[in-house]
Amino acid sequence: MLAYQLFCQSGYQHGKDHEHWLEAERRVLGDPGSNEELMLV
């Protein structure tokens, strides 16, 4: 659903489905490189 929301927010630009999917995945799973708690372990 988040990937579709990104698609809508981009103005329904076709051809960026993979980009939208990866961005949604990054938001859902988080970016370990920016998570301070994981760095402290």
PDB file of N, CA and C in Angstrom:
ATOM      1  N   MET A   1       0.824  -1.190   0.000  1.00  0.00           N
ATOM      2  CA  MET A   1       0.000   0.000   0.000  1.00  0.00           C
ATOM      3  C   MET A   1       0.873   1.261   0.000  1.00  0.00           C
ATOM      4  N   LEU A   2       1.970   1.227   0.733  1.00  0.00           N
ATOM      5  CA  LEU A   2       2.849   2.391   0.796  1.00  0.00           C
ATOM      6  C   LEU A   2       3.464   2.692  -0.564  1.00  0.00           C
ATOM      7  N   ALA A   3       3.831   1.659  -1.301  1.00  0.00           N
ATOM      8  CA  ALA A   3       4.393   1.875  -2.638  1.00  0.00           C
ATOM      9  C   ALA A   3       3.374   2.570  -3.531  1.00  0.00           C
ATOM     10  N   TYR A   4       2.113   2.203  -3.404  1.00  0.00           N
ATOM     11  CA  TYR A   4       1.060   2.854  -4.195  1.00  0.00           C
ATOM     12  C   TYR A   4       0.901   4.305  -3.768  1.00  0.00           C
ATOM     13  N   GLN A   5       0.979   4.572  -2.478  1.00  0.00           N
ATOM     14  CA  GLN A   5       0.890   5.947  -1.996  1.00  0.00           C
ATOM     15  C   GLN A   5       2.034   6.788  -2.551  1.00  0.00           C
ATOM     16  N   LEU A   6       3.223   6.222  -2.609  1.00  0.00           N
ATOM     17  CA  LEU A   6       4.362   6.940  -3.186  1.00  0.00           C
ATOM     18  C   LEU A   6       4.122   7.207  -4.669  1.00  0.00           C
ATOM     19  N   PHE A   7       3.526   6.239  -5.356  1.00  0.00           N
ATOM     20  CA  PHE A   7       3.171   6.399  -6.766  1.00  0.00           C
ATOM     21  C   PHE A   7       2.209   7.572  -6.929  1.00  0.00           C
ATOM     22  N   CYS A   8       1.194   7.643  -6.077  1.00  0.00           N
ATOM     23  CA  CYS A   8       0.224   8.738  -6.142  1.00  0.00           C
ATOM     24  C   CYS A   8       0.889  10.080  -5.839  1.00  0.00           C
ATOM     25  N   GLN A   9       1.748  10.103  -4.819  1.00  0.00           N
ATOM     26  CA  GLN A   9       2.425  11.336  -4.428  1.00  0.00           C
ATOM     27  C   GLN A   9       3.383  11.828  -5.501  1.00  0.00           C
ATOM     28  N   SER A  10       3.871  10.919  -6.333  1.00  0.00           N
ATOM     29  CA  SER A  10       4.801  11.317  -7.390  1.00  0.00           C
ATOM     30  C   SER A  10       4.071  11.851  -8.614  1.00  0.00           C
ATOM     31  N   GLY A  11       2.741  11.941  -8.514  1.00  0.00           N
ATOM     32  CA  GLY A  11       1.978  12.438  -9.651  1.00  0.00           C
ATOM     33  C   GLY A  11       1.643  11.331 -10.636  1.00  0.00           C
ATOM     34  N   TYR A  12       1.576  10.100 -10.143  1.00  0.00           N
ATOM     35  CA  TYR A  12       1.222   8.931 -10.956  1.00  0.00           C
ATOM     36  C   TYR A  12       2.210   8.714 -12.099  1.00  0.00           C
ATOM     37  N   GLN A  13       3.480   8.947 -11.821  1.00  0.00           N
ATOM     38  CA  GLN A  13       4.519   8.747 -12.834  1.00  0.00           C
ATOM     39  C   GLN A  13       4.780   7.258 -13.014  1.00  0.00           C
ATOM     40  N   HIS A  14       4.559   6.795 -14.219  1.00  0.00           N
ATOM     41  CA  HIS A  14       4.799   5.391 -14.526  1.00  0.00           C
ATOM     42  C   HIS A  14       6.288   5.166 -14.782  1.00  0.00           C
ATOM     43  N   GLY A  15       6.723   3.927 -14.601  1.00  0.00           N
ATOM     44  CA  GLY A  15       8.115   3.575 -14.845  1.00  0.00           C
ATOM     45  C   GLY A  15       9.003   3.700 -13.624  1.00  0.00           C
ATOM     46  N   LYS A  16       8.425   4.064 -12.491  1.00  0.00           N
ATOM     47  CA  LYS A  16       9.213   4.194 -11.262  1.00  0.00           C
ATOM     48  C   LYS A  16       8.726   3.214 -10.202  1.00  0.00           C
ATOM     49  N   ASP A  17       8.074   2.143 -10.644  1.00  0.00           N
ATOM     50  CA  ASP A  17       7.503   1.194  -9.693  1.00  0.00           C
ATOM     51  C   ASP A  17       8.569   0.552  -8.805  1.00  0.00           C
ATOM     52  N   HIS A  18       9.692   0.223  -9.384  1.00  0.00           N
ATOM     53  CA  HIS A  18      10.770  -0.398  -8.600  1.00  0.00           C
ATOM     54  C   HIS A  18      11.307   0.589  -7.566  1.00  0.00           C
ATOM     55  N   GLU A  19      11.474   1.827  -7.980  1.00  0.00           N
ATOM     56  CA  GLU A  19      11.955   2.878  -7.075  1.00  0.00           C
ATOM     57  C   GLU A  19      10.972   3.076  -5.916  1.00  0.00           C
ATOM     58  N   HIS A  20       9.670   3.114  -6.243  1.00  0.00           N
ATOM     59  CA  HIS A  20       8.649   3.285  -5.211  1.00  0.00           C
ATOM     60  C   HIS A  20       8.635   2.084  -4.268  1.00  0.00           C
ATOM     61  N   TRP A  21       8.796   0.892  -4.822  1.00  0.00           N
ATOM     62  CA  TRP A  21       8.797  -0.323  -3.996  1.00  0.00           C
ATOM     63  C   TRP A  21       9.978  -0.304  -3.021  1.00  0.00           C
ATOM     64  N   LEU A  22      11.155   0.040  -3.523  1.00  0.00           N
ATOM     65  CA  LEU A  22      12.340   0.059  -2.666  1.00  0.00           C
ATOM     66  C   LEU A  22      12.230   1.123  -1.576  1.00  0.00           C
ATOM     67  N   GLU A  23      11.663   2.271  -1.918  1.00  0.00           N
ATOM     68  CA  GLU A  23      11.486   3.328  -0.923  1.00  0.00           C
ATOM     69  C   GLU A  23      10.494   2.885   0.147  1.00  0.00           C
ATOM     70  N   ALA A  24       9.413   2.248  -0.263  1.00  0.00           N
ATOM     71  CA  ALA A  24       8.431   1.747   0.700  1.00  0.00           C
ATOM     72  C   ALA A  24       9.063   0.691   1.601  1.00  0.00           C
ATOM     73  N   GLU A  25       9.835  -0.193   1.016  1.00  0.00           N
ATOM     74  CA  GLU A  25      10.509  -1.239   1.788  1.00  0.00           C
ATOM     75  C   GLU A  25      11.478  -0.624   2.794  1.00  0.00           C
ATOM     76  N   ARG A  26      12.203   0.387   2.371  1.00  0.00           N
ATOM     77  CA  ARG A  26      13.150   1.058   3.267  1.00  0.00           C
ATOM     78  C   ARG A  26      12.415   1.695   4.446  1.00  0.00           C
ATOM     79  N   ARG A  27      11.268   2.316   4.167  1.00  0.00           N
ATOM     80  CA  ARG A  27      10.505   2.956   5.237  1.00  0.00           C
ATOM     81  C   ARG A  27       9.917   1.939   6.208  1.00  0.00           C
ATOM     82  N   VAL A  28       9.438   0.829   5.686  1.00  0.00           N
ATOM     83  CA  VAL A  28       8.818  -0.184   6.536  1.00  0.00           C
ATOM     84  C   VAL A  28       9.863  -0.922   7.366  1.00  0.00           C
ATOM     85  N   LEU A  29      10.939  -1.327   6.721  1.00  0.00           N
ATOM     86  CA  LEU A  29      11.965  -2.103   7.412  1.00  0.00           C
ATOM     87  C   LEU A  29      12.943  -1.227   8.174  1.00  0.00           C
ATOM     88  N   GLY A  30      13.009   0.027   7.804  1.00  0.00           N
ATOM     89  CA  GLY A  30      13.934   0.944   8.435  1.00  0.00           C
ATOM     90  C   GLY A  30      15.284   0.893   7.749  1.00  0.00           C
ATOM     91  N   ASP A  31      16.083   1.885   7.997  1.00  0.00           N
ATOM     92  CA  ASP A  31      17.421   1.974   7.427  1.00  0.00           C
ATOM     93  C   ASP A  31      18.414   1.727   8.552  1.00  0.00           C
ATOM     94  N   PRO A  32      18.978   0.512   8.634  1.00  0.00           N
ATOM     95  CA  PRO A  32      19.889   0.182   9.737  1.00  0.00           C
ATOM     96  C   PRO A  32      21.054   1.151   9.873  1.00  0.00           C
ATOM     97  N   GLY A  33      21.467   1.755   8.801  1.00  0.00           N
ATOM     98  CA  GLY A  33      22.582   2.685   8.850  1.00  0.00           C
ATOM     99  C   GLY A  33      22.261   3.952   9.615  1.00  0.00           C
ATOM    100  N   SER A  34      20.972   4.273   9.741  1.00  0.00           N
ATOM    101  CA  SER A  34      20.600   5.494  10.442  1.00  0.00           C
ATOM    102  C   SER A  34      19.960   5.209  11.797  1.00  0.00           C
ATOM    103  N   ASN A  35      19.920   3.956  12.200  1.00  0.00           N
ATOM    104  CA  ASN A  35      19.302   3.582  13.459  1.00  0.00           C
ATOM    105  C   ASN A  35      20.379   3.508  14.536  1.00  0.00           C
ATOM    106  N   GLU A  36      20.382   4.492  15.426  1.00  0.00           N
ATOM    107  CA  GLU A  36      21.427   4.569  16.447  1.00  0.00           C
ATOM    108  C   GLU A  36      21.400   3.377  17.390  1.00  0.00           C
ATOM    109  N   GLU A  37      20.212   2.847  17.687  1.00  0.00           N
ATOM    110  CA  GLU A  37      20.116   1.721  18.608  1.00  0.00           C
ATOM    111  C   GLU A  37      20.874   0.512  18.079  1.00  0.00           C
ATOM    112  N   LEU A  38      20.803   0.288  16.788  1.00  0.00           N
ATOM    113  CA  LEU A  38      21.501  -0.854  16.219  1.00  0.00           C
ATOM    114  C   LEU A  38      23.012  -0.649  16.240  1.00  0.00           C
ATOM    115  N   MET A  39      23.446   0.598  16.142  1.00  0.00           N
ATOM    116  CA  MET A  39      24.872   0.869  16.142  1.00  0.00           C
ATOM    117  C   MET A  39      25.480   0.680  17.531  1.00  0.00           C
ATOM    118  N   LEU A  40      24.673   0.821  18.571  1.00  0.00           N
ATOM    119  CA  LEU A  40      25.180   0.703  19.926  1.00  0.00           C
ATOM    120  C   LEU A  40      25.363  -0.743  20.357  1.00  0.00           C
ATOM    121  N   VAL A  41      24.769  -1.666  19.657  1.00  0.00           N
ATOM    122  CA  VAL A  41      24.827  -3.085  20.052  1.00  0.00           C
ATOM    123  C   VAL A  41      26.188  -3.650  19.841  1.00  0.00           C
TER     124      VAL A  41
END
